[in-house]
C-alpha cells in the first residue's frame, strides 16, 4: 500500500480518534483536575499522534523513525495509566475505560508492527 502521508496510516487515524474521545470525555472531569489529570491524559493521548507524525517525517532515517514510533508507544502506555486512574476515581465508567484501553492496546500493537516492518514505511 502506498502512503501519501501520516494521515493515511490507520494507526494515526485510530490514535487521533481516541485522543478526540478523551478530549470529549475529560470535559466532565471536576474542575480541580483541570491542571493535573485532565492535562496529563490529554497531553499523552495527543502525543501519540504527534510522535507518529514526527516518525513519518523522519522515515528517511530508519533509526530515527523507530525511535519516534517507540516514543509514540510509550505515550500510549502513559495514556493507559491515566485512563486507569480516571476509571478508579470514578471520572469515567468502566465501559468507557474498556473501550479506550482496547483502542490504545490496538494502537500499541500497530506501532510495534510498524517497527518490525520499518522498511515498508521507509522513504529510501
PDB file of N, CA and C in Angstrom:
ATOM      1  N   UNK A   1       0.833  -1.179   0.000  1.00  0.00           N
ATOM      2  CA  UNK A   1       0.000   0.000   0.000  1.00  0.00           C
ATOM      3  C   UNK A   1       0.882   1.248   0.000  1.00  0.00           C
ATOM      4  N   UNK A   2       0.523   2.217  -0.801  1.00  0.00           N
ATOM      5  CA  UNK A   2       1.262   3.473  -0.859  1.00  0.00           C
ATOM      6  C   UNK A   2       0.611   4.471   0.097  1.00  0.00           C
ATOM      7  N   UNK A   3       1.468   5.094   0.896  1.00  0.00           N
ATOM      8  CA  UNK A   3       1.003   6.089   1.854  1.00  0.00           C
ATOM      9  C   UNK A   3       1.441   7.464   1.367  1.00  0.00           C
ATOM     10  N   UNK A   4       0.496   8.387   1.321  1.00  0.00           N
ATOM     11  CA  UNK A   4       0.812   9.749   0.907  1.00  0.00           C
ATOM     12  C   UNK A   4       1.242  10.614   2.086  1.00  0.00           C
ATOM     13  N   UNK A   5       0.972  10.171   3.263  1.00  0.00           N
ATOM     14  CA  UNK A   5       1.335  10.913   4.464  1.00  0.00           C
ATOM     15  C   UNK A   5       0.892  10.163   5.698  1.00  0.00           C
ATOM     16  N   UNK A   6       1.266  10.692   6.849  1.00  0.00           N
ATOM     17  CA  UNK A   6       0.949  10.016   8.106  1.00  0.00           C
ATOM     18  C   UNK A   6      -0.555   9.917   8.342  1.00  0.00           C
ATOM     19  N   UNK A   7      -1.333  10.822   7.765  1.00  0.00           N
ATOM     20  CA  UNK A   7      -2.784  10.772   7.954  1.00  0.00           C
ATOM     21  C   UNK A   7      -3.411   9.559   7.274  1.00  0.00           C
ATOM     22  N   UNK A   8      -2.686   8.931   6.352  1.00  0.00           N
ATOM     23  CA  UNK A   8      -3.162   7.711   5.699  1.00  0.00           C
ATOM     24  C   UNK A   8      -2.967   6.470   6.568  1.00  0.00           C
ATOM     25  N   UNK A   9      -2.136   6.583   7.578  1.00  0.00           N
ATOM     26  CA  UNK A   9      -1.841   5.434   8.433  1.00  0.00           C
ATOM     27  C   UNK A   9      -3.018   5.134   9.354  1.00  0.00           C
ATOM     28  N   UNK A  10      -3.458   3.885   9.365  1.00  0.00           N
ATOM     29  CA  UNK A  10      -4.581   3.501  10.227  1.00  0.00           C
ATOM     30  C   UNK A  10      -4.256   3.747  11.693  1.00  0.00           C
ATOM     31  N   UNK A  11      -3.006   3.562  12.074  1.00  0.00           N
ATOM     32  CA  UNK A  11      -2.622   3.780  13.465  1.00  0.00           C
ATOM     33  C   UNK A  11      -2.775   5.257  13.833  1.00  0.00           C
ATOM     34  N   UNK A  12      -2.434   6.148  12.926  1.00  0.00           N
ATOM     35  CA  UNK A  12      -2.626   7.574  13.190  1.00  0.00           C
ATOM     36  C   UNK A  12      -4.114   7.886  13.317  1.00  0.00           C
ATOM     37  N   UNK A  13      -4.910   7.363  12.401  1.00  0.00           N
ATOM     38  CA  UNK A  13      -6.357   7.628  12.416  1.00  0.00           C
ATOM     39  C   UNK A  13      -6.997   7.145  13.715  1.00  0.00           C
ATOM     40  N   UNK A  14      -6.613   5.954  14.159  1.00  0.00           N
ATOM     41  CA  UNK A  14      -7.168   5.416  15.399  1.00  0.00           C
ATOM     42  C   UNK A  14      -6.698   6.234  16.597  1.00  0.00           C
ATOM     43  N   UNK A  15      -5.415   6.539  16.658  1.00  0.00           N
ATOM     44  CA  UNK A  15      -4.880   7.316  17.781  1.00  0.00           C
ATOM     45  C   UNK A  15      -5.524   8.706  17.846  1.00  0.00           C
ATOM     46  N   UNK A  16      -5.748   9.312  16.694  1.00  0.00           N
ATOM     47  CA  UNK A  16      -6.381  10.629  16.650  1.00  0.00           C
ATOM     48  C   UNK A  16      -7.821  10.549  17.162  1.00  0.00           C
ATOM     49  N   UNK A  17      -8.540   9.522  16.715  1.00  0.00           N
ATOM     50  CA  UNK A  17      -9.925   9.327  17.166  1.00  0.00           C
ATOM     51  C   UNK A  17      -9.970   9.129  18.678  1.00  0.00           C
ATOM     52  N   UNK A  18      -9.062   8.343  19.197  1.00  0.00           N
ATOM     53  CA  UNK A  18      -9.011   8.108  20.644  1.00  0.00           C
ATOM     54  C   UNK A  18      -8.686   9.385  21.408  1.00  0.00           C
ATOM     55  N   UNK A  19      -7.758  10.181  20.891  1.00  0.00           N
ATOM     56  CA  UNK A  19      -7.408  11.448  21.542  1.00  0.00           C
ATOM     57  C   UNK A  19      -8.610  12.386  21.580  1.00  0.00           C
ATOM     58  N   UNK A  20      -9.377  12.408  20.503  1.00  0.00           N
ATOM     59  CA  UNK A  20     -10.563  13.264  20.476  1.00  0.00           C
ATOM     60  C   UNK A  20     -11.634  12.733  21.434  1.00  0.00           C
ATOM     61  N   UNK A  21     -11.741  11.424  21.555  1.00  0.00           N
ATOM     62  CA  UNK A  21     -12.687  10.823  22.500  1.00  0.00           C
ATOM     63  C   UNK A  21     -12.286  11.182  23.934  1.00  0.00           C
ATOM     64  N   UNK A  22     -10.998  11.135  24.210  1.00  0.00           N
ATOM     65  CA  UNK A  22     -10.510  11.512  25.538  1.00  0.00           C
ATOM     66  C   UNK A  22     -10.785  12.993  25.800  1.00  0.00           C
ATOM     67  N   UNK A  23     -10.565  13.828  24.818  1.00  0.00           N
ATOM     68  CA  UNK A  23     -10.845  15.255  24.965  1.00  0.00           C
ATOM     69  C   UNK A  23     -12.306  15.463  25.385  1.00  0.00           C
ATOM     70  N   UNK A  24     -13.210  14.807  24.679  1.00  0.00           N
ATOM     71  CA  UNK A  24     -14.638  14.952  24.997  1.00  0.00           C
ATOM     72  C   UNK A  24     -14.956  14.379  26.377  1.00  0.00           C
ATOM     73  N   UNK A  25     -14.389  13.232  26.687  1.00  0.00           N
ATOM     74  CA  UNK A  25     -14.672  12.576  27.969  1.00  0.00           C
ATOM     75  C   UNK A  25     -14.181  13.403  29.150  1.00  0.00           C
ATOM     76  N   UNK A  26     -13.061  14.075  29.000  1.00  0.00           N
ATOM     77  CA  UNK A  26     -12.477  14.819  30.122  1.00  0.00           C
ATOM     78  C   UNK A  26     -13.159  16.167  30.360  1.00  0.00           C
ATOM     79  N   UNK A  27     -14.039  16.571  29.467  1.00  0.00           N
ATOM     80  CA  UNK A  27     -14.774  17.825  29.685  1.00  0.00           C
ATOM     81  C   UNK A  27     -15.639  17.759  30.943  1.00  0.00           C
ATOM     82  N   UNK A  28     -16.032  16.557  31.335  1.00  0.00           N
ATOM     83  CA  UNK A  28     -16.895  16.409  32.505  1.00  0.00           C
ATOM     84  C   UNK A  28     -16.114  16.141  33.795  1.00  0.00           C
ATOM     85  N   UNK A  29     -14.787  16.092  33.737  1.00  0.00           N
ATOM     86  CA  UNK A  29     -13.990  15.869  34.941  1.00  0.00           C
ATOM     87  C   UNK A  29     -14.129  17.080  35.870  1.00  0.00           C
ATOM     88  N   UNK A  30     -13.938  16.882  37.170  1.00  0.00           N
ATOM     89  CA  UNK A  30     -14.028  18.005  38.112  1.00  0.00           C
ATOM     90  C   UNK A  30     -13.012  19.107  37.794  1.00  0.00           C
ATOM     91  N   UNK A  31     -13.387  20.330  38.114  1.00  0.00           N
ATOM     92  CA  UNK A  31     -12.513  21.475  37.836  1.00  0.00           C
ATOM     93  C   UNK A  31     -11.155  21.344  38.512  1.00  0.00           C
ATOM     94  N   UNK A  32     -11.112  20.734  39.690  1.00  0.00           N
ATOM     95  CA  UNK A  32      -9.828  20.607  40.389  1.00  0.00           C
ATOM     96  C   UNK A  32      -8.853  19.686  39.652  1.00  0.00           C
ATOM     97  N   UNK A  33      -9.335  18.928  38.677  1.00  0.00           N
ATOM     98  CA  UNK A  33      -8.472  18.055  37.883  1.00  0.00           C
ATOM     99  C   UNK A  33      -7.969  18.721  36.604  1.00  0.00           C
ATOM    100  N   UNK A  34      -8.417  19.942  36.332  1.00  0.00           N
ATOM    101  CA  UNK A  34      -8.087  20.615  35.068  1.00  0.00           C
ATOM    102  C   UNK A  34      -6.585  20.681  34.817  1.00  0.00           C
ATOM    103  N   UNK A  35      -5.818  21.036  35.816  1.00  0.00           N
ATOM    104  CA  UNK A  35      -4.376  21.218  35.617  1.00  0.00           C
ATOM    105  C   UNK A  35      -3.559  20.002  36.042  1.00  0.00           C
ATOM    106  N   UNK A  36      -4.228  18.903  36.304  1.00  0.00           N
ATOM    107  CA  UNK A  36      -3.494  17.688  36.648  1.00  0.00           C
ATOM    108  C   UNK A  36      -3.933  16.546  35.739  1.00  0.00           C
ATOM    109  N   UNK A  37      -4.904  15.791  36.157  1.00  0.00           N
ATOM    110  CA  UNK A  37      -5.296  14.604  35.392  1.00  0.00           C
ATOM    111  C   UNK A  37      -5.776  14.950  33.983  1.00  0.00           C
ATOM    112  N   UNK A  38      -6.601  15.971  33.840  1.00  0.00           N
ATOM    113  CA  UNK A  38      -7.110  16.332  32.507  1.00  0.00           C
ATOM    114  C   UNK A  38      -5.961  16.704  31.587  1.00  0.00           C
ATOM    115  N   UNK A  39      -5.079  17.575  32.052  1.00  0.00           N
ATOM    116  CA  UNK A  39      -3.943  17.968  31.217  1.00  0.00           C
ATOM    117  C   UNK A  39      -3.058  16.781  30.867  1.00  0.00           C
ATOM    118  N   UNK A  40      -2.820  15.914  31.833  1.00  0.00           N
ATOM    119  CA  UNK A  40      -1.921  14.783  31.604  1.00  0.00           C
ATOM    120  C   UNK A  40      -2.472  13.801  30.582  1.00  0.00           C
ATOM    121  N   UNK A  41      -3.730  13.415  30.734  1.00  0.00           N
ATOM    122  CA  UNK A  41      -4.286  12.416  29.815  1.00  0.00           C
ATOM    123  C   UNK A  41      -4.488  13.014  28.425  1.00  0.00           C
ATOM    124  N   UNK A  42      -4.861  14.273  28.357  1.00  0.00           N
ATOM    125  CA  UNK A  42      -4.985  14.911  27.040  1.00  0.00           C
ATOM    126  C   UNK A  42      -3.615  15.028  26.371  1.00  0.00           C
ATOM    127  N   UNK A  43      -2.617  15.439  27.127  1.00  0.00           N
ATOM    128  CA  UNK A  43      -1.281  15.610  26.569  1.00  0.00           C
ATOM    129  C   UNK A  43      -0.708  14.293  26.064  1.00  0.00           C
ATOM    130  N   UNK A  44      -0.800  13.251  26.875  1.00  0.00           N
ATOM    131  CA  UNK A  44      -0.213  11.973  26.451  1.00  0.00           C
ATOM    132  C   UNK A  44      -0.964  11.385  25.256  1.00  0.00           C
ATOM    133  N   UNK A  45      -2.288  11.526  25.235  1.00  0.00           N
ATOM    134  CA  UNK A  45      -3.039  10.976  24.096  1.00  0.00           C
ATOM    135  C   UNK A  45      -2.713  11.728  22.811  1.00  0.00           C
ATOM    136  N   UNK A  46      -2.550  13.038  22.910  1.00  0.00           N
ATOM    137  CA  UNK A  46      -2.180  13.827  21.727  1.00  0.00           C
ATOM    138  C   UNK A  46      -0.758  13.533  21.289  1.00  0.00           C
ATOM    139  N   UNK A  47       0.082  13.246  22.248  1.00  0.00           N
ATOM    140  CA  UNK A  47       1.482  12.966  21.937  1.00  0.00           C
ATOM    141  C   UNK A  47       1.656  11.685  21.127  1.00  0.00           C
ATOM    142  N   UNK A  48       0.752  10.752  21.281  1.00  0.00           N
ATOM    143  CA  UNK A  48       0.812   9.542  20.453  1.00  0.00           C
ATOM    144  C   UNK A  48       0.755   9.949  18.982  1.00  0.00           C
ATOM    145  N   UNK A  49      -0.224  10.791  18.643  1.00  0.00           N
ATOM    146  CA  UNK A  49      -0.394  11.193  17.239  1.00  0.00           C
ATOM    147  C   UNK A  49       0.762  12.056  16.752  1.00  0.00           C
ATOM    148  N   UNK A  50       1.240  12.959  17.588  1.00  0.00           N
ATOM    149  CA  UNK A  50       2.327  13.833  17.135  1.00  0.00           C
ATOM    150  C   UNK A  50       3.620  13.050  16.926  1.00  0.00           C
ATOM    151  N   UNK A  51       3.852  12.041  17.755  1.00  0.00           N
ATOM    152  CA  UNK A  51       5.039  11.215  17.552  1.00  0.00           C
ATOM    153  C   UNK A  51       4.942  10.378  16.286  1.00  0.00           C
ATOM    154  N   UNK A  52       3.748   9.938  15.943  1.00  0.00           N
ATOM    155  CA  UNK A  52       3.566   9.212  14.683  1.00  0.00           C
ATOM    156  C   UNK A  52       3.867  10.147  13.512  1.00  0.00           C
ATOM    157  N   UNK A  53       3.369  11.367  13.579  1.00  0.00           N
ATOM    158  CA  UNK A  53       3.627  12.343  12.515  1.00  0.00           C
ATOM    159  C   UNK A  53       5.125  12.638  12.402  1.00  0.00           C
ATOM    160  N   UNK A  54       5.794  12.808  13.546  1.00  0.00           N
ATOM    161  CA  UNK A  54       7.237  13.048  13.523  1.00  0.00           C
ATOM    162  C   UNK A  54       7.987  11.860  12.942  1.00  0.00           C
ATOM    163  N   UNK A  55       7.568  10.656  13.325  1.00  0.00           N
ATOM    164  CA  UNK A  55       8.208   9.450  12.792  1.00  0.00           C
ATOM    165  C   UNK A  55       8.086   9.420  11.275  1.00  0.00           C
ATOM    166  N   UNK A  56       6.917   9.757  10.780  1.00  0.00           N
ATOM    167  CA  UNK A  56       6.689   9.748   9.336  1.00  0.00           C
ATOM    168  C   UNK A  56       7.648  10.709   8.641  1.00  0.00           C
ATOM    169  N   UNK A  57       7.821  11.868   9.206  1.00  0.00           N
ATOM    170  CA  UNK A  57       8.693  12.875   8.597  1.00  0.00           C
ATOM    171  C   UNK A  57      10.166  12.478   8.683  1.00  0.00           C
ATOM    172  N   UNK A  58      10.497  11.573   9.592  1.00  0.00           N
ATOM    173  CA  UNK A  58      11.888  11.139   9.767  1.00  0.00           C
ATOM    174  C   UNK A  58      12.152   9.761   9.171  1.00  0.00           C
ATOM    175  N   UNK A  59      11.229   9.275   8.353  1.00  0.00           N
ATOM    176  CA  UNK A  59      11.357   7.898   7.863  1.00  0.00           C
ATOM    177  C   UNK A  59      12.525   7.683   6.922  1.00  0.00           C
ATOM    178  N   UNK A  60      13.154   8.751   6.462  1.00  0.00           N
ATOM    179  CA  UNK A  60      14.365   8.626   5.655  1.00  0.00           C
ATOM    180  C   UNK A  60      15.503   8.012   6.485  1.00  0.00           C
ATOM    181  N   UNK A  61      15.392   8.174   7.795  1.00  0.00           N
ATOM    182  CA  UNK A  61      16.415   7.692   8.722  1.00  0.00           C
ATOM    183  C   UNK A  61      15.781   6.617   9.614  1.00  0.00           C
ATOM    184  N   UNK A  62      15.958   5.345   9.261  1.00  0.00           N
ATOM    185  CA  UNK A  62      15.262   4.258   9.969  1.00  0.00           C
ATOM    186  C   UNK A  62      15.396   4.279  11.489  1.00  0.00           C
ATOM    187  N   UNK A  63      16.573   4.598  12.009  1.00  0.00           N
ATOM    188  CA  UNK A  63      16.744   4.609  13.466  1.00  0.00           C
ATOM    189  C   UNK A  63      15.919   5.726  14.105  1.00  0.00           C
ATOM    190  N   UNK A  64      15.846   6.866  13.446  1.00  0.00           N
ATOM    191  CA  UNK A  64      15.034   7.965  13.964  1.00  0.00           C
ATOM    192  C   UNK A  64      13.550   7.621  13.870  1.00  0.00           C
ATOM    193  N   UNK A  65      13.173   6.985  12.772  1.00  0.00           N
ATOM    194  CA  UNK A  65      11.788   6.544  12.593  1.00  0.00           C
ATOM    195  C   UNK A  65      11.390   5.618  13.736  1.00  0.00           C
ATOM    196  N   UNK A  66      12.199   4.613  13.992  1.00  0.00           N
ATOM    197  CA  UNK A  66      11.908   3.653  15.050  1.00  0.00           C
ATOM    198  C   UNK A  66      11.859   4.347  16.408  1.00  0.00           C
ATOM    199  N   UNK A  67      12.781   5.254  16.654  1.00  0.00           N
ATOM    200  CA  UNK A  67      12.809   5.976  17.923  1.00  0.00           C
ATOM    201  C   UNK A  67      11.506   6.728  18.172  1.00  0.00           C
ATOM    202  N   UNK A  68      11.000   7.411  17.168  1.00  0.00           N
ATOM    203  CA  UNK A  68       9.763   8.174  17.329  1.00  0.00           C
ATOM    204  C   UNK A  68       8.557   7.242  17.473  1.00  0.00           C
ATOM    205  N   UNK A  69       8.576   6.104  16.799  1.00  0.00           N
ATOM    206  CA  UNK A  69       7.488   5.137  16.960  1.00  0.00           C
ATOM    207  C   UNK A  69       7.513   4.575  18.381  1.00  0.00           C
ATOM    208  N   UNK A  70       8.693   4.311  18.912  1.00  0.00           N
ATOM    209  CA  UNK A  70       8.809   3.847  20.299  1.00  0.00           C
ATOM    210  C   UNK A  70       8.296   4.928  21.249  1.00  0.00           C
ATOM    211  N   UNK A  71       8.613   6.200  20.962  1.00  0.00           N
ATOM    212  CA  UNK A  71       8.081   7.292  21.779  1.00  0.00           C
ATOM    213  C   UNK A  71       6.553   7.290  21.751  1.00  0.00           C
ATOM    214  N   UNK A  72       5.974   7.081  20.583  1.00  0.00           N
ATOM    215  CA  UNK A  72       4.513   7.037  20.458  1.00  0.00           C
ATOM    216  C   UNK A  72       3.941   5.895  21.304  1.00  0.00           C
ATOM    217  N   UNK A  73       4.591   4.747  21.260  1.00  0.00           N
ATOM    218  CA  UNK A  73       4.140   3.603  22.057  1.00  0.00           C
ATOM    219  C   UNK A  73       4.243   3.909  23.549  1.00  0.00           C
ATOM    220  N   UNK A  74       5.299   4.589  23.938  1.00  0.00           N
ATOM    221  CA  UNK A  74       5.449   4.988  25.340  1.00  0.00           C
ATOM    222  C   UNK A  74       4.329   5.913  25.789  1.00  0.00           C
ATOM    223  N   UNK A  75       3.975   6.851  24.947  1.00  0.00           N
ATOM    224  CA  UNK A  75       2.876   7.774  25.258  1.00  0.00           C
ATOM    225  C   UNK A  75       1.543   7.037  25.323  1.00  0.00           C
ATOM    226  N   UNK A  76       1.380   6.023  24.477  1.00  0.00           N
ATOM    227  CA  UNK A  76       0.160   5.207  24.538  1.00  0.00           C
ATOM    228  C   UNK A  76       0.084   4.486  25.886  1.00  0.00           C
ATOM    229  N   UNK A  77       1.218   3.978  26.346  1.00  0.00           N
ATOM    230  CA  UNK A  77       1.255   3.330  27.657  1.00  0.00           C
ATOM    231  C   UNK A  77       0.940   4.300  28.781  1.00  0.00           C
ATOM    232  N   UNK A  78       1.488   5.503  28.698  1.00  0.00           N
ATOM    233  CA  UNK A  78       1.192   6.519  29.709  1.00  0.00           C
ATOM    234  C   UNK A  78      -0.305   6.842  29.713  1.00  0.00           C
ATOM    235  N   UNK A  79      -0.880   6.973  28.533  1.00  0.00           N
ATOM    236  CA  UNK A  79      -2.308   7.261  28.423  1.00  0.00           C
ATOM    237  C   UNK A  79      -3.136   6.166  29.078  1.00  0.00           C
ATOM    238  N   UNK A  80      -2.732   4.915  28.897  1.00  0.00           N
ATOM    239  CA  UNK A  80      -3.456   3.804  29.517  1.00  0.00           C
ATOM    240  C   UNK A  80      -3.482   3.947  31.041  1.00  0.00           C
ATOM    241  N   UNK A  81      -2.371   4.377  31.622  1.00  0.00           N
ATOM    242  CA  UNK A  81      -2.319   4.543  33.078  1.00  0.00           C
ATOM    243  C   UNK A  81      -3.233   5.682  33.519  1.00  0.00           C
ATOM    244  N   UNK A  82      -3.204   6.801  32.799  1.00  0.00           N
ATOM    245  CA  UNK A  82      -4.092   7.927  33.145  1.00  0.00           C
ATOM    246  C   UNK A  82      -5.552   7.504  33.020  1.00  0.00           C
ATOM    247  N   UNK A  83      -5.855   6.682  32.039  1.00  0.00           N
ATOM    248  CA  UNK A  83      -7.228   6.188  31.895  1.00  0.00           C
ATOM    249  C   UNK A  83      -7.625   5.301  33.068  1.00  0.00           C
ATOM    250  N   UNK A  84      -6.687   4.477  33.514  1.00  0.00           N
ATOM    251  CA  UNK A  84      -6.958   3.623  34.667  1.00  0.00           C
ATOM    252  C   UNK A  84      -7.244   4.473  35.904  1.00  0.00           C
ATOM    253  N   UNK A  85      -6.455   5.512  36.097  1.00  0.00           N
ATOM    254  CA  UNK A  85      -6.685   6.430  37.221  1.00  0.00           C
ATOM    255  C   UNK A  85      -8.043   7.114  37.072  1.00  0.00           C
ATOM    256  N   UNK A  86      -8.376   7.499  35.855  1.00  0.00           N
ATOM    257  CA  UNK A  86      -9.674   8.144  35.604  1.00  0.00           C
ATOM    258  C   UNK A  86     -10.830   7.213  35.949  1.00  0.00           C
ATOM    259  N   UNK A  87     -10.678   5.940  35.622  1.00  0.00           N
ATOM    260  CA  UNK A  87     -11.707   4.951  35.961  1.00  0.00           C
ATOM    261  C   UNK A  87     -11.790   4.750  37.466  1.00  0.00           C
ATOM    262  N   UNK A  88     -10.631   4.579  38.090  1.00  0.00           N
ATOM    263  CA  UNK A  88     -10.612   4.266  39.524  1.00  0.00           C
ATOM    264  C   UNK A  88     -11.064   5.434  40.399  1.00  0.00           C
ATOM    265  N   UNK A  89     -10.991   6.644  39.878  1.00  0.00           N
ATOM    266  CA  UNK A  89     -11.502   7.804  40.613  1.00  0.00           C
ATOM    267  C   UNK A  89     -12.963   8.073  40.292  1.00  0.00           C
ATOM    268  N   UNK A  90     -13.529   7.291  39.389  1.00  0.00           N
ATOM    269  CA  UNK A  90     -14.929   7.424  39.047  1.00  0.00           C
ATOM    270  C   UNK A  90     -15.229   8.501  38.014  1.00  0.00           C
ATOM    271  N   UNK A  91     -14.198   9.017  37.354  1.00  0.00           N
ATOM    272  CA  UNK A  91     -14.407  10.082  36.366  1.00  0.00           C
ATOM    273  C   UNK A  91     -14.872   9.544  35.018  1.00  0.00           C
ATOM    274  N   UNK A  92     -14.513   8.294  34.726  1.00  0.00           N
ATOM    275  CA  UNK A  92     -15.052   7.641  33.526  1.00  0.00           C
ATOM    276  C   UNK A  92     -15.586   6.278  33.948  1.00  0.00           C
ATOM    277  N   UNK A  93     -16.543   5.796  33.201  1.00  0.00           N
ATOM    278  CA  UNK A  93     -17.141   4.491  33.507  1.00  0.00           C
ATOM    279  C   UNK A  93     -16.186   3.364  33.114  1.00  0.00           C
ATOM    280  N   UNK A  94     -16.440   2.205  33.668  1.00  0.00           N
ATOM    281  CA  UNK A  94     -15.653   1.028  33.293  1.00  0.00           C
ATOM    282  C   UNK A  94     -15.820   0.710  31.814  1.00  0.00           C
ATOM    283  N   UNK A  95     -17.016   0.948  31.300  1.00  0.00           N
ATOM    284  CA  UNK A  95     -17.271   0.693  29.878  1.00  0.00           C
ATOM    285  C   UNK A  95     -16.431   1.625  28.999  1.00  0.00           C
ATOM    286  N   UNK A  96     -16.401   2.899  29.358  1.00  0.00           N
ATOM    287  CA  UNK A  96     -15.605   3.879  28.599  1.00  0.00           C
ATOM    288  C   UNK A  96     -14.125   3.515  28.697  1.00  0.00           C
ATOM    289  N   UNK A  97     -13.691   3.164  29.890  1.00  0.00           N
ATOM    290  CA  UNK A  97     -12.301   2.756  30.089  1.00  0.00           C
ATOM    291  C   UNK A  97     -11.964   1.559  29.203  1.00  0.00           C
ATOM    292  N   UNK A  98     -12.819   0.536  29.229  1.00  0.00           N
ATOM    293  CA  UNK A  98     -12.565  -0.672  28.435  1.00  0.00           C
ATOM    294  C   UNK A  98     -12.434  -0.336  26.958  1.00  0.00           C
ATOM    295  N   UNK A  99     -13.299   0.531  26.471  1.00  0.00           N
ATOM    296  CA  UNK A  99     -13.264   0.918  25.054  1.00  0.00           C
ATOM    297  C   UNK A  99     -11.971   1.658  24.723  1.00  0.00           C
ATOM    298  N   UNK A 100     -11.623   2.633  25.542  1.00  0.00           N
ATOM    299  CA  UNK A 100     -10.411   3.412  25.281  1.00  0.00           C
ATOM    300  C   UNK A 100      -9.152   2.561  25.458  1.00  0.00           C
ATOM    301  N   UNK A 101      -9.122   1.750  26.512  1.00  0.00           N
ATOM    302  CA  UNK A 101      -7.956   0.900  26.759  1.00  0.00           C
ATOM    303  C   UNK A 101      -7.744  -0.068  25.603  1.00  0.00           C
ATOM    304  N   UNK A 102      -8.824  -0.660  25.125  1.00  0.00           N
ATOM    305  CA  UNK A 102      -8.719  -1.582  23.983  1.00  0.00           C
ATOM    306  C   UNK A 102      -8.193  -0.852  22.758  1.00  0.00           C
ATOM    307  N   UNK A 103      -8.604   0.389  22.579  1.00  0.00           N
ATOM    308  CA  UNK A 103      -8.107   1.191  21.462  1.00  0.00           C
ATOM    309  C   UNK A 103      -6.613   1.423  21.555  1.00  0.00           C
ATOM    310  N   UNK A 104      -6.139   1.772  22.753  1.00  0.00           N
ATOM    311  CA  UNK A 104      -4.702   2.004  22.908  1.00  0.00           C
ATOM    312  C   UNK A 104      -3.905   0.711  22.845  1.00  0.00           C
ATOM    313  N   UNK A 105      -4.502  -0.394  23.245  1.00  0.00           N
ATOM    314  CA  UNK A 105      -3.842  -1.689  23.086  1.00  0.00           C
ATOM    315  C   UNK A 105      -3.647  -1.982  21.597  1.00  0.00           C
ATOM    316  N   UNK A 106      -4.662  -1.682  20.801  1.00  0.00           N
ATOM    317  CA  UNK A 106      -4.571  -1.865  19.346  1.00  0.00           C
ATOM    318  C   UNK A 106      -3.528  -0.919  18.747  1.00  0.00           C
ATOM    319  N   UNK A 107      -3.520   0.323  19.187  1.00  0.00           N
ATOM    320  CA  UNK A 107      -2.518   1.282  18.711  1.00  0.00           C
ATOM    321  C   UNK A 107      -1.117   0.754  19.002  1.00  0.00           C
ATOM    322  N   UNK A 108      -0.909   0.264  20.207  1.00  0.00           N
ATOM    323  CA  UNK A 108       0.417  -0.256  20.575  1.00  0.00           C
ATOM    324  C   UNK A 108       0.824  -1.432  19.689  1.00  0.00           C
ATOM    325  N   UNK A 109      -0.098  -2.347  19.438  1.00  0.00           N
ATOM    326  CA  UNK A 109       0.218  -3.481  18.557  1.00  0.00           C
ATOM    327  C   UNK A 109       0.588  -2.991  17.157  1.00  0.00           C
ATOM    328  N   UNK A 110      -0.153  -2.012  16.670  1.00  0.00           N
ATOM    329  CA  UNK A 110       0.120  -1.481  15.339  1.00  0.00           C
ATOM    330  C   UNK A 110       1.489  -0.787  15.300  1.00  0.00           C
ATOM    331  N   UNK A 111       1.811  -0.051  16.346  1.00  0.00           N
ATOM    332  CA  UNK A 111       3.099   0.644  16.392  1.00  0.00           C
ATOM    333  C   UNK A 111       4.256  -0.348  16.392  1.00  0.00           C
ATOM    334  N   UNK A 112       4.149  -1.399  17.200  1.00  0.00           N
ATOM    335  CA  UNK A 112       5.230  -2.388  17.226  1.00  0.00           C
ATOM    336  C   UNK A 112       5.297  -3.162  15.913  1.00  0.00           C
ATOM    337  N   UNK A 113       4.174  -3.298  15.243  1.00  0.00           N
ATOM    338  CA  UNK A 113       4.177  -3.890  13.904  1.00  0.00           C
ATOM    339  C   UNK A 113       4.913  -3.003  12.909  1.00  0.00           C
ATOM    340  N   UNK A 114       4.776  -1.691  13.070  1.00  0.00           N
ATOM    341  CA  UNK A 114       5.499  -0.763  12.193  1.00  0.00           C
ATOM    342  C   UNK A 114       7.002  -0.880  12.403  1.00  0.00           C
ATOM    343  N   UNK A 115       7.402  -1.106  13.634  1.00  0.00           N
ATOM    344  CA  UNK A 115       8.832  -1.266  13.919  1.00  0.00           C
ATOM    345  C   UNK A 115       9.350  -2.531  13.239  1.00  0.00           C
ATOM    346  N   UNK A 116       8.594  -3.611  13.353  1.00  0.00           N
ATOM    347  CA  UNK A 116       9.012  -4.877  12.738  1.00  0.00           C
ATOM    348  C   UNK A 116       9.096  -4.765  11.220  1.00  0.00           C
ATOM    349  N   UNK A 117       8.267  -3.915  10.638  1.00  0.00           N
ATOM    350  CA  UNK A 117       8.223  -3.760   9.176  1.00  0.00           C
ATOM    351  C   UNK A 117       8.631  -2.347   8.768  1.00  0.00           C
ATOM    352  N   UNK A 118       9.655  -1.812   9.433  1.00  0.00           N
ATOM    353  CA  UNK A 118      10.043  -0.421   9.188  1.00  0.00           C
ATOM    354  C   UNK A 118      10.393  -0.143   7.728  1.00  0.00           C
ATOM    355  N   UNK A 119      10.897  -1.144   7.024  1.00  0.00           N
ATOM    356  CA  UNK A 119      11.237  -0.972   5.617  1.00  0.00           C
ATOM    357  C   UNK A 119      10.034  -0.629   4.755  1.00  0.00           C
ATOM    358  N   UNK A 120       8.872  -1.069   5.165  1.00  0.00           N
ATOM    359  CA  UNK A 120       7.638  -0.791   4.427  1.00  0.00           C
ATOM    360  C   UNK A 120       7.308   0.705   4.446  1.00  0.00           C
ATOM    361  N   UNK A 121       7.783   1.400   5.470  1.00  0.00           N
ATOM    362  CA  UNK A 121       7.469   2.818   5.632  1.00  0.00           C
ATOM    363  C   UNK A 121       8.639   3.717   5.261  1.00  0.00           C
ATOM    364  N   UNK A 122       9.761   3.110   4.978  1.00  0.00           N
ATOM    365  CA  UNK A 122      10.981   3.868   4.683  1.00  0.00           C
ATOM    366  C   UNK A 122      10.832   4.678   3.398  1.00  0.00           C
ATOM    367  N   UNK A 123      11.436   5.835   3.395  1.00  0.00           N
ATOM    368  CA  UNK A 123      11.415   6.696   2.232  1.00  0.00           C
ATOM    369  C   UNK A 123      12.547   6.332   1.268  1.00  0.00           C
ATOM    370  N   UNK A 124      13.456   5.511   1.736  1.00  0.00           N
ATOM    371  CA  UNK A 124      14.621   5.155   0.915  1.00  0.00           C
ATOM    372  C   UNK A 124      14.260   4.252  -0.236  1.00  0.00           C
TER     373      UNK A 124
END
